[in-house]
Structure formats: structure tokens, C-alpha cells
Amino acid sequence: MEKLNTGENYMTLTVDIKKKLHDYTLELKLEHTGGCLGILGPSGCGKSMGLKSIAGLVTPDCGRILLGDKTFYSSAERINRKPQLRKTGYLFQSYALFPNMTVAENVGSGISLKNRERDKIISACIHRFRLSGLENYYPGKLSGGQQQRAALARILASSPALLLLDEPFSAMDAALKEVLRLELLHVLRDYHGLSILVTHDKDEAYQLCDSLIIMDQGQVLCSGATKDVFDNPGKYQAARLTGCRNISPVRRLGDNRILALDWNLTLTTAEKTTEQTKAVAIRPHCLVPVSEEAAAVWKRA
């Protein structure tokens, strides 16, 4: 399948901003070089505010936002580019399709090219997002999945270098959510540019994101490749946000031995512990039942 070409394939997004909010200060620092970056956190933790700052919909108090060699925002240099000049595509929770425009008109609304080139892009996007036959439909006549595809077609028709997805599945029932996740996964795999997905759903983050940031109360708790973050979240709250429920405080017994206090269980760890080791978390799928004989052999090894 042909890639969705943004024309700018080797960019780095650099974000280092602060913004005072009602109960806390948002401090977002990241460097995104490829694929889909997820920002996972509970409602109200500042993740959507960070996304809107990147898009230019809100202004940070200080810091900088760069995409490649283009400065979107710099408090030191007094630069704050307007949203329409940042070449980003923003998918809102509501999709924000124009209700008085047809699917074809919505898809073409952000294209500034002349008629023939414009029509060619509209036709290609409608075909790519399986909207053929719906060109003259208005958004109110579309299903949830069709609305999402129309919104993505409109965004990608203008070839954004950065795709921003703000909890696109939050208001959907579980069955529809799973279908649309799979559709979005295919879109992200075919997209050349950078993308960021904001979500409070751990399964969504694991399924769609190549790398992951976990946030709470405006702070980045941990970051890295998605699987690495789930395997070793590093902090208690990050473990909870990635879905781990079996967590116990520990007492350190040695470099590779701890006592899980809630379980009265002595454990041997693969990695060395330190004085800062305060808890242990075990996911159910990591437990492997063995016979007493096998356990005895393992202990002697």
C-alpha cells in the first residue's frame, strides 16, 4: 500500500514547555523522532493541554516547541506561530467536520491548490479512506466510523508533517472503539509523518503507539518504547496507569533479593535493587505455574 507522504520524513519534534494550570504546573519535555508517540494519563493530568500547546491552540508560559528547523514557539525569541502555519493536523474528539459541507467538501477544505490538483487529492483521499459513494453525504448521515475516516481524510489531504490525535475514541462504546482502533492503526502504519496520540486508555496506548510517555498532575513519570514502559514503568503511579494491580511495598534484603511485605514473599530480582527500591509489581501474565520438582531444580541452579 502506498504511504501517505507528508514530504517531510526525517523531522524531530522537540518540546520543552511549562504552563501554570489551576491545580498544578504542566511541565512537558519530549523529543519525538518517528512513529506514533502516546501520552497516557488520567483525565485532567495535562496531556490534552500539552497537545493543544503543540498545535498552537493554547500558549505555554515559557519554553520552546520545534519541528525540525521550524520554531513553533519560543518564549526566549518571542515566537508564537499561528496554528494554521504549523502544518499540523489535529483530530478532535468530536472530529469537527463542517456539518454544512459534504464529505468531498470537508476533505478539500484545507487544500490550497488549484482545481485540477485539488480534485485529484480529494479523489485519492476518498478512495484511500474507503469513502467512495459517500462524497455527497453530509456528516449527519455518516456512521461513527465513516465520520472518523472523513475527518482523517480531511486532515491528511493537506499533508501535515505532524498528526495530533486527542482521545479520538473516548465517547464510543467498546465494540465501535475496537473497530476504529484497527482502522486508525492501518492509517498510522501508512503515514510518513510524526503522530501523537493522547489517551487515558492503556490498551489503546499499547496497541497504537510505538513510544510512550506517562503523565500525572502535569509531570512526566516515565517515557520510552511502549513495551519497555509497560515492562518497567519505574514508578508506582506509572505502574497503576499501565494497568498493574498486583503491587506490594518491599524491604530490600540484598542486591537481588526483596521481601514483598503485603505478600510475605521473598523474591529474587533479575536487576539489582537499590535503597530507592520501594515496591514490586507483578502482572498476571508474568506468573508461570511450575511443579514442586521444577521449582526445586530452579532453586538449586
C-alpha atoms as a PDB file:
ATOM      1  CA  MET A   1       0.000   0.000   0.000  1.00  0.00           C
ATOM      2  CA  GLU A   2       1.299   3.452  -0.882  1.00  0.00           C
ATOM      3  CA  LYS A   3       2.495   5.541   2.029  1.00  0.00           C
ATOM      4  CA  LEU A   4       0.724   8.775   2.898  1.00  0.00           C
ATOM      5  CA  ASN A   5       3.524  11.167   2.073  1.00  0.00           C
ATOM      6  CA  THR A   6       3.949  14.358   4.056  1.00  0.00           C
ATOM      7  CA  GLY A   7       7.052  15.318   2.120  1.00  0.00           C
ATOM      8  CA  GLU A   8       8.962  15.771   5.385  1.00  0.00           C
ATOM      9  CA  ASN A   9      10.051  12.351   6.584  1.00  0.00           C
ATOM     10  CA  TYR A  10      13.029  12.983   8.837  1.00  0.00           C
ATOM     11  CA  MET A  11      11.860  15.596  11.300  1.00  0.00           C
ATOM     12  CA  THR A  12      12.245  15.724  15.048  1.00  0.00           C
ATOM     13  CA  LEU A  13       9.648  17.308  17.300  1.00  0.00           C
ATOM     14  CA  THR A  14      11.222  18.943  20.347  1.00  0.00           C
ATOM     15  CA  VAL A  15       9.010  20.167  23.178  1.00  0.00           C
ATOM     16  CA  ASP A  16      10.163  21.770  26.429  1.00  0.00           C
ATOM     17  CA  ILE A  17       7.368  23.890  27.910  1.00  0.00           C
ATOM     18  CA  LYS A  18       5.743  24.950  31.160  1.00  0.00           C
ATOM     19  CA  LYS A  19       2.241  26.256  31.756  1.00  0.00           C
ATOM     20  CA  LYS A  20       0.576  27.069  35.079  1.00  0.00           C
ATOM     21  CA  LEU A  21      -2.810  25.413  35.330  1.00  0.00           C
ATOM     22  CA  HIS A  22      -5.413  25.575  38.090  1.00  0.00           C
ATOM     23  CA  ASP A  23      -4.026  22.895  40.432  1.00  0.00           C
ATOM     24  CA  TYR A  24      -0.526  22.293  39.116  1.00  0.00           C
ATOM     25  CA  THR A  25       2.089  23.356  36.570  1.00  0.00           C
ATOM     26  CA  LEU A  26       2.295  21.425  33.315  1.00  0.00           C
ATOM     27  CA  GLU A  27       5.916  20.549  32.538  1.00  0.00           C
ATOM     28  CA  LEU A  28       6.171  18.689  29.244  1.00  0.00           C
ATOM     29  CA  LYS A  29       9.541  17.750  27.818  1.00  0.00           C
ATOM     30  CA  LEU A  30       9.884  15.343  24.893  1.00  0.00           C
ATOM     31  CA  GLU A  31      11.806  14.593  21.719  1.00  0.00           C
ATOM     32  CA  HIS A  32       9.854  12.639  19.114  1.00  0.00           C
ATOM     33  CA  THR A  33      11.677  11.279  16.073  1.00  0.00           C
ATOM     34  CA  GLY A  34       9.357   8.768  14.421  1.00  0.00           C
ATOM     35  CA  GLY A  35       6.191   6.686  14.523  1.00  0.00           C
ATOM     36  CA  CYS A  36       3.342   7.283  16.935  1.00  0.00           C
ATOM     37  CA  LEU A  37       4.068   8.693  20.384  1.00  0.00           C
ATOM     38  CA  GLY A  38       1.430   8.079  23.039  1.00  0.00           C
ATOM     39  CA  ILE A  39       0.765  10.332  26.019  1.00  0.00           C
ATOM     40  CA  LEU A  40      -1.052   8.227  28.627  1.00  0.00           C
ATOM     41  CA  GLY A  41      -2.557   9.638  31.796  1.00  0.00           C
ATOM     42  CA  PRO A  42      -5.751  10.164  33.792  1.00  0.00           C
ATOM     43  CA  SER A  43      -8.302  12.845  32.923  1.00  0.00           C
ATOM     44  CA  GLY A  44      -7.109  16.306  33.904  1.00  0.00           C
ATOM     45  CA  CYS A  45      -3.403  15.433  34.049  1.00  0.00           C
ATOM     46  CA  GLY A  46      -2.425  17.986  31.368  1.00  0.00           C
ATOM     47  CA  LYS A  47      -1.930  15.688  28.384  1.00  0.00           C
ATOM     48  CA  SER A  48      -4.518  17.406  26.149  1.00  0.00           C
ATOM     49  CA  MET A  49      -3.196  20.809  27.196  1.00  0.00           C
ATOM     50  CA  GLY A  50       0.249  19.704  26.039  1.00  0.00           C
ATOM     51  CA  LEU A  51      -1.174  18.599  22.692  1.00  0.00           C
ATOM     52  CA  LYS A  52      -3.028  21.905  22.247  1.00  0.00           C
ATOM     53  CA  SER A  53       0.193  23.772  23.039  1.00  0.00           C
ATOM     54  CA  ILE A  54       1.969  21.907  20.237  1.00  0.00           C
ATOM     55  CA  ALA A  55      -0.881  22.716  17.837  1.00  0.00           C
ATOM     56  CA  GLY A  56      -0.869  26.392  18.829  1.00  0.00           C
ATOM     57  CA  LEU A  57      -4.394  26.326  20.267  1.00  0.00           C
ATOM     58  CA  VAL A  58      -3.082  27.447  23.663  1.00  0.00           C
ATOM     59  CA  THR A  59       0.105  29.316  24.565  1.00  0.00           C
ATOM     60  CA  PRO A  60       2.603  27.989  27.150  1.00  0.00           C
ATOM     61  CA  ASP A  61       4.011  30.309  29.795  1.00  0.00           C
ATOM     62  CA  CYS A  62       7.582  29.588  28.737  1.00  0.00           C
ATOM     63  CA  GLY A  63       9.788  27.187  26.817  1.00  0.00           C
ATOM     64  CA  ARG A  64      10.042  26.174  23.184  1.00  0.00           C
ATOM     65  CA  ILE A  65       8.446  23.920  20.562  1.00  0.00           C
ATOM     66  CA  LEU A  66      10.397  22.989  17.410  1.00  0.00           C
ATOM     67  CA  LEU A  67       9.554  20.792  14.429  1.00  0.00           C
ATOM     68  CA  GLY A  68      12.738  20.154  12.502  1.00  0.00           C
ATOM     69  CA  ASP A  69      14.314  23.555  11.899  1.00  0.00           C
ATOM     70  CA  LYS A  70      10.999  25.401  12.308  1.00  0.00           C
ATOM     71  CA  THR A  71      10.265  27.150  15.586  1.00  0.00           C
ATOM     72  CA  PHE A  72       6.586  26.899  16.518  1.00  0.00           C
ATOM     73  CA  TYR A  73       7.008  28.618  19.861  1.00  0.00           C
ATOM     74  CA  SER A  74       9.875  30.186  21.789  1.00  0.00           C
ATOM     75  CA  SER A  75       9.372  32.407  24.807  1.00  0.00           C
ATOM     76  CA  ALA A  76      13.026  33.485  24.653  1.00  0.00           C
ATOM     77  CA  GLU A  77      12.763  34.555  20.992  1.00  0.00           C
ATOM     78  CA  ARG A  78       9.176  35.839  21.301  1.00  0.00           C
ATOM     79  CA  ILE A  79       7.977  33.470  18.572  1.00  0.00           C
ATOM     80  CA  ASN A  80       4.465  32.018  18.571  1.00  0.00           C
ATOM     81  CA  ARG A  81       3.339  30.758  15.153  1.00  0.00           C
ATOM     82  CA  LYS A  82      -0.361  30.689  14.417  1.00  0.00           C
ATOM     83  CA  PRO A  83      -1.942  27.192  14.294  1.00  0.00           C
ATOM     84  CA  GLN A  84      -2.508  27.364  10.529  1.00  0.00           C
ATOM     85  CA  LEU A  85       1.220  27.997   9.968  1.00  0.00           C
ATOM     86  CA  ARG A  86       2.414  24.986  11.990  1.00  0.00           C
ATOM     87  CA  LYS A  87       1.433  22.363   9.389  1.00  0.00           C
ATOM     88  CA  THR A  88      -0.166  20.089  11.959  1.00  0.00           C
ATOM     89  CA  GLY A  89      -3.313  18.009  11.643  1.00  0.00           C
ATOM     90  CA  TYR A  90      -5.481  17.935  14.780  1.00  0.00           C
ATOM     91  CA  LEU A  91      -8.148  15.247  15.216  1.00  0.00           C
ATOM     92  CA  PHE A  92     -10.617  16.392  17.869  1.00  0.00           C
ATOM     93  CA  GLN A  93     -12.740  14.030  19.967  1.00  0.00           C
ATOM     94  CA  SER A  94     -15.826  15.236  18.062  1.00  0.00           C
ATOM     95  CA  TYR A  95     -13.984  15.063  14.665  1.00  0.00           C
ATOM     96  CA  ALA A  96     -15.113  18.697  13.999  1.00  0.00           C
ATOM     97  CA  LEU A  97     -16.439  18.049  10.491  1.00  0.00           C
ATOM     98  CA  PHE A  98     -18.261  21.010   8.963  1.00  0.00           C
ATOM     99  CA  PRO A  99     -21.955  19.998   9.188  1.00  0.00           C
ATOM    100  CA  ASN A 100     -22.993  22.134   6.197  1.00  0.00           C
ATOM    101  CA  MET A 101     -20.354  20.601   3.892  1.00  0.00           C
ATOM    102  CA  THR A 102     -20.417  17.264   2.088  1.00  0.00           C
ATOM    103  CA  VAL A 103     -17.709  14.660   2.611  1.00  0.00           C
ATOM    104  CA  ALA A 104     -15.882  15.832  -0.529  1.00  0.00           C
ATOM    105  CA  GLU A 105     -16.127  19.480   0.539  1.00  0.00           C
ATOM    106  CA  ASN A 106     -14.844  18.641   4.023  1.00  0.00           C
ATOM    107  CA  VAL A 107     -11.887  16.708   2.607  1.00  0.00           C
ATOM    108  CA  GLY A 108     -10.998  19.584   0.285  1.00  0.00           C
ATOM    109  CA  SER A 109     -11.477  22.370   2.827  1.00  0.00           C
ATOM    110  CA  GLY A 110      -7.804  22.543   3.805  1.00  0.00           C
ATOM    111  CA  ILE A 111      -6.284  22.203   0.337  1.00  0.00           C
ATOM    112  CA  SER A 112      -4.977  25.426  -1.184  1.00  0.00           C
ATOM    113  CA  LEU A 113      -4.051  24.048  -4.635  1.00  0.00           C
ATOM    114  CA  LYS A 114      -5.775  24.850  -7.933  1.00  0.00           C
ATOM    115  CA  ASN A 115      -8.885  22.973  -9.057  1.00  0.00           C
ATOM    116  CA  ARG A 116      -7.373  20.056 -11.006  1.00  0.00           C
ATOM    117  CA  GLU A 117      -4.663  19.245  -8.456  1.00  0.00           C
ATOM    118  CA  ARG A 118      -7.139  19.778  -5.632  1.00  0.00           C
ATOM    119  CA  ASP A 119      -9.703  17.412  -7.161  1.00  0.00           C
ATOM    120  CA  LYS A 120      -7.014  14.779  -7.655  1.00  0.00           C
ATOM    121  CA  ILE A 121      -6.041  14.885  -3.971  1.00  0.00           C
ATOM    122  CA  ILE A 122      -9.690  14.778  -2.838  1.00  0.00           C
ATOM    123  CA  SER A 123     -10.358  11.763  -5.048  1.00  0.00           C
ATOM    124  CA  ALA A 124      -7.248   9.947  -3.787  1.00  0.00           C
ATOM    125  CA  CYS A 125      -8.129  10.592  -0.124  1.00  0.00           C
ATOM    126  CA  ILE A 126     -11.734   9.493  -0.580  1.00  0.00           C
ATOM    127  CA  HIS A 127     -10.521   6.268  -2.170  1.00  0.00           C
ATOM    128  CA  ARG A 128      -7.798   5.727   0.464  1.00  0.00           C
ATOM    129  CA  PHE A 129     -10.236   6.111   3.360  1.00  0.00           C
ATOM    130  CA  ARG A 130     -12.981   3.990   1.789  1.00  0.00           C
ATOM    131  CA  LEU A 131     -15.414   6.880   1.376  1.00  0.00           C
ATOM    132  CA  SER A 132     -16.303   6.199  -2.263  1.00  0.00           C
ATOM    133  CA  GLY A 133     -20.043   6.645  -2.780  1.00  0.00           C
ATOM    134  CA  LEU A 134     -20.279   8.982   0.223  1.00  0.00           C
ATOM    135  CA  GLU A 135     -18.790  12.067  -1.453  1.00  0.00           C
ATOM    136  CA  ASN A 136     -22.089  13.985  -1.425  1.00  0.00           C
ATOM    137  CA  TYR A 137     -23.217  12.893   2.042  1.00  0.00           C
ATOM    138  CA  TYR A 138     -23.312  15.357   4.931  1.00  0.00           C
ATOM    139  CA  PRO A 139     -21.677  14.395   8.267  1.00  0.00           C
ATOM    140  CA  GLY A 140     -25.041  13.874   9.965  1.00  0.00           C
ATOM    141  CA  LYS A 141     -25.762  10.982   7.599  1.00  0.00           C
ATOM    142  CA  LEU A 142     -22.489   9.160   8.342  1.00  0.00           C
ATOM    143  CA  SER A 143     -21.799   6.426  10.886  1.00  0.00           C
ATOM    144  CA  GLY A 144     -19.184   6.957  13.606  1.00  0.00           C
ATOM    145  CA  GLY A 145     -16.573   5.061  11.623  1.00  0.00           C
ATOM    146  CA  GLN A 146     -17.337   6.991   8.442  1.00  0.00           C
ATOM    147  CA  GLN A 147     -17.074  10.291  10.322  1.00  0.00           C
ATOM    148  CA  GLN A 148     -13.664   9.322  11.679  1.00  0.00           C
ATOM    149  CA  ARG A 149     -12.417   8.328   8.233  1.00  0.00           C
ATOM    150  CA  ALA A 150     -13.749  11.567   6.740  1.00  0.00           C
ATOM    151  CA  ALA A 151     -12.018  13.598   9.459  1.00  0.00           C
ATOM    152  CA  LEU A 152      -8.714  11.781   8.901  1.00  0.00           C
ATOM    153  CA  ALA A 153      -9.048  12.211   5.132  1.00  0.00           C
ATOM    154  CA  ARG A 154      -9.575  15.958   5.586  1.00  0.00           C
ATOM    155  CA  ILE A 155      -6.560  16.262   7.873  1.00  0.00           C
ATOM    156  CA  LEU A 156      -4.182  14.193   5.744  1.00  0.00           C
ATOM    157  CA  ALA A 157      -5.300  15.794   2.461  1.00  0.00           C
ATOM    158  CA  SER A 158      -3.273  18.862   3.433  1.00  0.00           C
ATOM    159  CA  SER A 159      -0.116  16.731   4.016  1.00  0.00           C
ATOM    160  CA  PRO A 160       0.627  17.680   7.634  1.00  0.00           C
ATOM    161  CA  ALA A 161       4.087  16.926   8.991  1.00  0.00           C
ATOM    162  CA  LEU A 162       2.573  16.231  12.413  1.00  0.00           C
ATOM    163  CA  LEU A 163      -0.670  14.409  13.245  1.00  0.00           C
ATOM    164  CA  LEU A 164      -2.213  15.134  16.676  1.00  0.00           C
ATOM    165  CA  LEU A 165      -4.938  12.804  17.981  1.00  0.00           C
ATOM    166  CA  ASP A 166      -6.837  13.996  21.057  1.00  0.00           C
ATOM    167  CA  GLU A 167      -8.626  10.995  22.638  1.00  0.00           C
ATOM    168  CA  PRO A 168     -10.428  10.112  19.379  1.00  0.00           C
ATOM    169  CA  PHE A 169     -12.284   7.126  20.907  1.00  0.00           C
ATOM    170  CA  SER A 170     -13.278   8.447  24.334  1.00  0.00           C
ATOM    171  CA  ALA A 171     -17.017   8.834  23.663  1.00  0.00           C
ATOM    172  CA  MET A 172     -17.559   5.492  21.883  1.00  0.00           C
ATOM    173  CA  ASP A 173     -18.911   2.148  23.039  1.00  0.00           C
ATOM    174  CA  ALA A 174     -16.444  -0.735  23.332  1.00  0.00           C
ATOM    175  CA  ALA A 175     -17.444  -2.533  20.111  1.00  0.00           C
ATOM    176  CA  LEU A 176     -17.140   0.536  17.868  1.00  0.00           C
ATOM    177  CA  LYS A 177     -13.970   1.620  19.650  1.00  0.00           C
ATOM    178  CA  GLU A 178     -12.205  -1.641  18.782  1.00  0.00           C
ATOM    179  CA  VAL A 179     -13.180  -1.406  15.107  1.00  0.00           C
ATOM    180  CA  LEU A 180     -11.979   2.192  14.798  1.00  0.00           C
ATOM    181  CA  ARG A 181      -8.740   1.447  16.634  1.00  0.00           C
ATOM    182  CA  LEU A 182      -7.864  -1.112  13.989  1.00  0.00           C
ATOM    183  CA  GLU A 183      -8.701   1.371  11.229  1.00  0.00           C
ATOM    184  CA  LEU A 184      -6.528   4.041  12.834  1.00  0.00           C
ATOM    185  CA  LEU A 185      -3.704   1.527  13.270  1.00  0.00           C
ATOM    186  CA  HIS A 186      -3.660   0.978   9.500  1.00  0.00           C
ATOM    187  CA  VAL A 187      -3.652   4.742   8.895  1.00  0.00           C
ATOM    188  CA  LEU A 188      -0.717   5.280  11.264  1.00  0.00           C
ATOM    189  CA  ARG A 189       1.285   2.488   9.635  1.00  0.00           C
ATOM    190  CA  ASP A 190       0.866   4.169   6.243  1.00  0.00           C
ATOM    191  CA  TYR A 191       1.634   7.688   7.471  1.00  0.00           C
ATOM    192  CA  HIS A 192       5.121   9.119   6.881  1.00  0.00           C
ATOM    193  CA  GLY A 193       4.985  11.962   9.381  1.00  0.00           C
ATOM    194  CA  LEU A 194       5.119  12.113  13.162  1.00  0.00           C
ATOM    195  CA  SER A 195       1.987  11.422  15.189  1.00  0.00           C
ATOM    196  CA  ILE A 196       0.986  11.888  18.831  1.00  0.00           C
ATOM    197  CA  LEU A 197      -1.961  10.148  20.475  1.00  0.00           C
ATOM    198  CA  VAL A 198      -3.359  11.423  23.775  1.00  0.00           C
ATOM    199  CA  THR A 199      -5.323   8.801  25.706  1.00  0.00           C
ATOM    200  CA  HIS A 200      -6.335   7.586  29.155  1.00  0.00           C
ATOM    201  CA  ASP A 201      -6.786   4.024  27.828  1.00  0.00           C
ATOM    202  CA  LYS A 202      -3.785   1.747  28.438  1.00  0.00           C
ATOM    203  CA  ASP A 203      -4.932  -0.817  25.849  1.00  0.00           C
ATOM    204  CA  GLU A 204      -5.250   1.904  23.227  1.00  0.00           C
ATOM    205  CA  ALA A 205      -1.751   3.161  24.009  1.00  0.00           C
ATOM    206  CA  TYR A 206      -0.244  -0.327  23.861  1.00  0.00           C
ATOM    207  CA  GLN A 207      -1.959  -1.193  20.579  1.00  0.00           C
ATOM    208  CA  LEU A 208      -1.329   2.031  18.660  1.00  0.00           C
ATOM    209  CA  CYS A 209       1.846   3.650  19.986  1.00  0.00           C
ATOM    210  CA  ASP A 210       5.496   2.918  19.209  1.00  0.00           C
ATOM    211  CA  SER A 211       6.723   5.000  22.128  1.00  0.00           C
ATOM    212  CA  LEU A 212       5.004   6.245  25.259  1.00  0.00           C
ATOM    213  CA  ILE A 213       5.013   8.991  27.859  1.00  0.00           C
ATOM    214  CA  ILE A 214       3.083   8.528  31.101  1.00  0.00           C
ATOM    215  CA  MET A 215       1.862  11.713  32.782  1.00  0.00           C
ATOM    216  CA  ASP A 216       0.144  12.634  36.019  1.00  0.00           C
ATOM    217  CA  GLN A 217      -0.544  16.045  37.561  1.00  0.00           C
ATOM    218  CA  GLY A 218       1.341  17.799  34.770  1.00  0.00           C
ATOM    219  CA  GLN A 219       4.530  15.771  35.217  1.00  0.00           C
ATOM    220  CA  VAL A 220       6.158  13.127  33.018  1.00  0.00           C
ATOM    221  CA  LEU A 221       6.502   9.995  35.167  1.00  0.00           C
ATOM    222  CA  CYS A 222       8.382   7.872  32.628  1.00  0.00           C
ATOM    223  CA  SER A 223       8.969   7.502  28.898  1.00  0.00           C
ATOM    224  CA  GLY A 224      10.424   5.097  26.364  1.00  0.00           C
ATOM    225  CA  ALA A 225       9.451   2.396  23.895  1.00  0.00           C
ATOM    226  CA  THR A 226       5.883   1.332  24.703  1.00  0.00           C
ATOM    227  CA  LYS A 227       6.723  -2.268  25.605  1.00  0.00           C
ATOM    228  CA  ASP A 228       9.650  -1.139  27.764  1.00  0.00           C
ATOM    229  CA  VAL A 229       7.423   1.295  29.673  1.00  0.00           C
ATOM    230  CA  PHE A 230       4.839  -1.423  30.335  1.00  0.00           C
ATOM    231  CA  ASP A 231       7.559  -3.905  31.342  1.00  0.00           C
ATOM    232  CA  ASN A 232       9.343  -1.483  33.654  1.00  0.00           C
ATOM    233  CA  PRO A 233       7.271   1.631  34.471  1.00  0.00           C
ATOM    234  CA  GLY A 234       9.680   2.554  37.265  1.00  0.00           C
ATOM    235  CA  LYS A 235       7.176   4.403  39.471  1.00  0.00           C
ATOM    236  CA  TYR A 236       4.153   3.270  41.459  1.00  0.00           C
ATOM    237  CA  GLN A 237       1.664   5.592  39.742  1.00  0.00           C
ATOM    238  CA  ALA A 238       3.031   4.716  36.311  1.00  0.00           C
ATOM    239  CA  ALA A 239       2.551   1.018  37.079  1.00  0.00           C
ATOM    240  CA  ARG A 240      -1.055   1.691  38.098  1.00  0.00           C
ATOM    241  CA  LEU A 241      -1.734   3.714  34.958  1.00  0.00           C
ATOM    242  CA  THR A 242      -0.417   0.880  32.784  1.00  0.00           C
ATOM    243  CA  GLY A 243      -2.907  -1.478  34.420  1.00  0.00           C
ATOM    244  CA  CYS A 244      -0.803  -3.293  37.019  1.00  0.00           C
ATOM    245  CA  ARG A 245      -2.827  -4.084  40.152  1.00  0.00           C
ATOM    246  CA  ASN A 246      -0.534  -6.535  41.979  1.00  0.00           C
ATOM    247  CA  ILE A 247       1.755  -4.075  43.761  1.00  0.00           C
ATOM    248  CA  SER A 248       3.373  -4.526  47.164  1.00  0.00           C
ATOM    249  CA  PRO A 249       5.759  -2.404  49.223  1.00  0.00           C
ATOM    250  CA  VAL A 250       9.100  -4.143  49.735  1.00  0.00           C
ATOM    251  CA  ARG A 251      12.012  -4.392  52.127  1.00  0.00           C
ATOM    252  CA  ARG A 252      15.387  -4.768  50.451  1.00  0.00           C
ATOM    253  CA  LEU A 253      17.272  -7.879  51.584  1.00  0.00           C
ATOM    254  CA  GLY A 254      20.227  -7.663  49.211  1.00  0.00           C
ATOM    255  CA  ASP A 255      21.326  -6.670  45.732  1.00  0.00           C
ATOM    256  CA  ASN A 256      18.894  -9.088  44.090  1.00  0.00           C
ATOM    257  CA  ARG A 257      16.545 -10.056  46.926  1.00  0.00           C
ATOM    258  CA  ILE A 258      13.475  -8.305  48.296  1.00  0.00           C
ATOM    259  CA  LEU A 259      10.669  -9.122  50.708  1.00  0.00           C
ATOM    260  CA  ALA A 260       7.204  -8.256  49.373  1.00  0.00           C
ATOM    261  CA  LEU A 261       5.597  -7.115  52.611  1.00  0.00           C
ATOM    262  CA  ASP A 262       1.937  -7.449  51.576  1.00  0.00           C
ATOM    263  CA  TRP A 263       2.501 -10.995  50.325  1.00  0.00           C
ATOM    264  CA  ASN A 264       5.094 -12.124  52.909  1.00  0.00           C
ATOM    265  CA  LEU A 265       7.085 -13.411  49.964  1.00  0.00           C
ATOM    266  CA  THR A 266      10.828 -13.305  49.326  1.00  0.00           C
ATOM    267  CA  LEU A 267      11.659 -12.637  45.680  1.00  0.00           C
ATOM    268  CA  THR A 268      14.839 -12.800  43.620  1.00  0.00           C
ATOM    269  CA  THR A 269      15.127  -9.959  41.103  1.00  0.00           C
ATOM    270  CA  ALA A 270      16.840 -10.023  37.713  1.00  0.00           C
ATOM    271  CA  GLU A 271      18.073  -6.447  38.156  1.00  0.00           C
ATOM    272  CA  LYS A 272      19.952  -5.124  41.151  1.00  0.00           C
ATOM    273  CA  THR A 273      17.860  -3.287  43.712  1.00  0.00           C
ATOM    274  CA  THR A 274      18.869  -0.040  45.413  1.00  0.00           C
ATOM    275  CA  GLU A 275      17.867   1.848  48.534  1.00  0.00           C
ATOM    276  CA  GLN A 276      15.312   3.654  46.338  1.00  0.00           C
ATOM    277  CA  THR A 277      13.511   0.373  45.521  1.00  0.00           C
ATOM    278  CA  LYS A 278      10.192   0.795  47.342  1.00  0.00           C
ATOM    279  CA  ALA A 279       7.713  -1.562  45.658  1.00  0.00           C
ATOM    280  CA  VAL A 280       7.352  -4.568  43.381  1.00  0.00           C
ATOM    281  CA  ALA A 281       4.664  -5.057  40.734  1.00  0.00           C
ATOM    282  CA  ILE A 282       3.756  -8.354  39.067  1.00  0.00           C
ATOM    283  CA  ARG A 283       1.425  -8.656  36.087  1.00  0.00           C
ATOM    284  CA  PRO A 284      -0.715 -11.831  35.949  1.00  0.00           C
ATOM    285  CA  HIS A 285       0.697 -12.937  32.581  1.00  0.00           C
ATOM    286  CA  CYS A 286       4.204 -12.949  34.066  1.00  0.00           C
ATOM    287  CA  LEU A 287       3.334 -15.748  36.516  1.00  0.00           C
ATOM    288  CA  VAL A 288       4.211 -19.231  35.246  1.00  0.00           C
ATOM    289  CA  PRO A 289       2.977 -22.217  37.309  1.00  0.00           C
ATOM    290  CA  VAL A 290       5.578 -24.970  37.813  1.00  0.00           C
ATOM    291  CA  SER A 291       5.684 -28.259  39.675  1.00  0.00           C
ATOM    292  CA  GLU A 292       7.444 -28.620  43.033  1.00  0.00           C
ATOM    293  CA  GLU A 293      10.145 -30.692  41.320  1.00  0.00           C
ATOM    294  CA  ALA A 294      10.810 -27.974  38.732  1.00  0.00           C
ATOM    295  CA  ALA A 295      10.889 -25.321  41.442  1.00  0.00           C
ATOM    296  CA  ALA A 296      13.423 -27.364  43.428  1.00  0.00           C
ATOM    297  CA  VAL A 297      15.656 -27.681  40.364  1.00  0.00           C
ATOM    298  CA  TRP A 298      15.417 -23.916  39.747  1.00  0.00           C
ATOM    299  CA  LYS A 299      16.372 -23.159  43.365  1.00  0.00           C
ATOM    300  CA  ARG A 300      19.479 -25.360  43.114  1.00  0.00           C
ATOM    301  CA  ALA A 301      20.551 -23.776  39.809  1.00  0.00           C
END
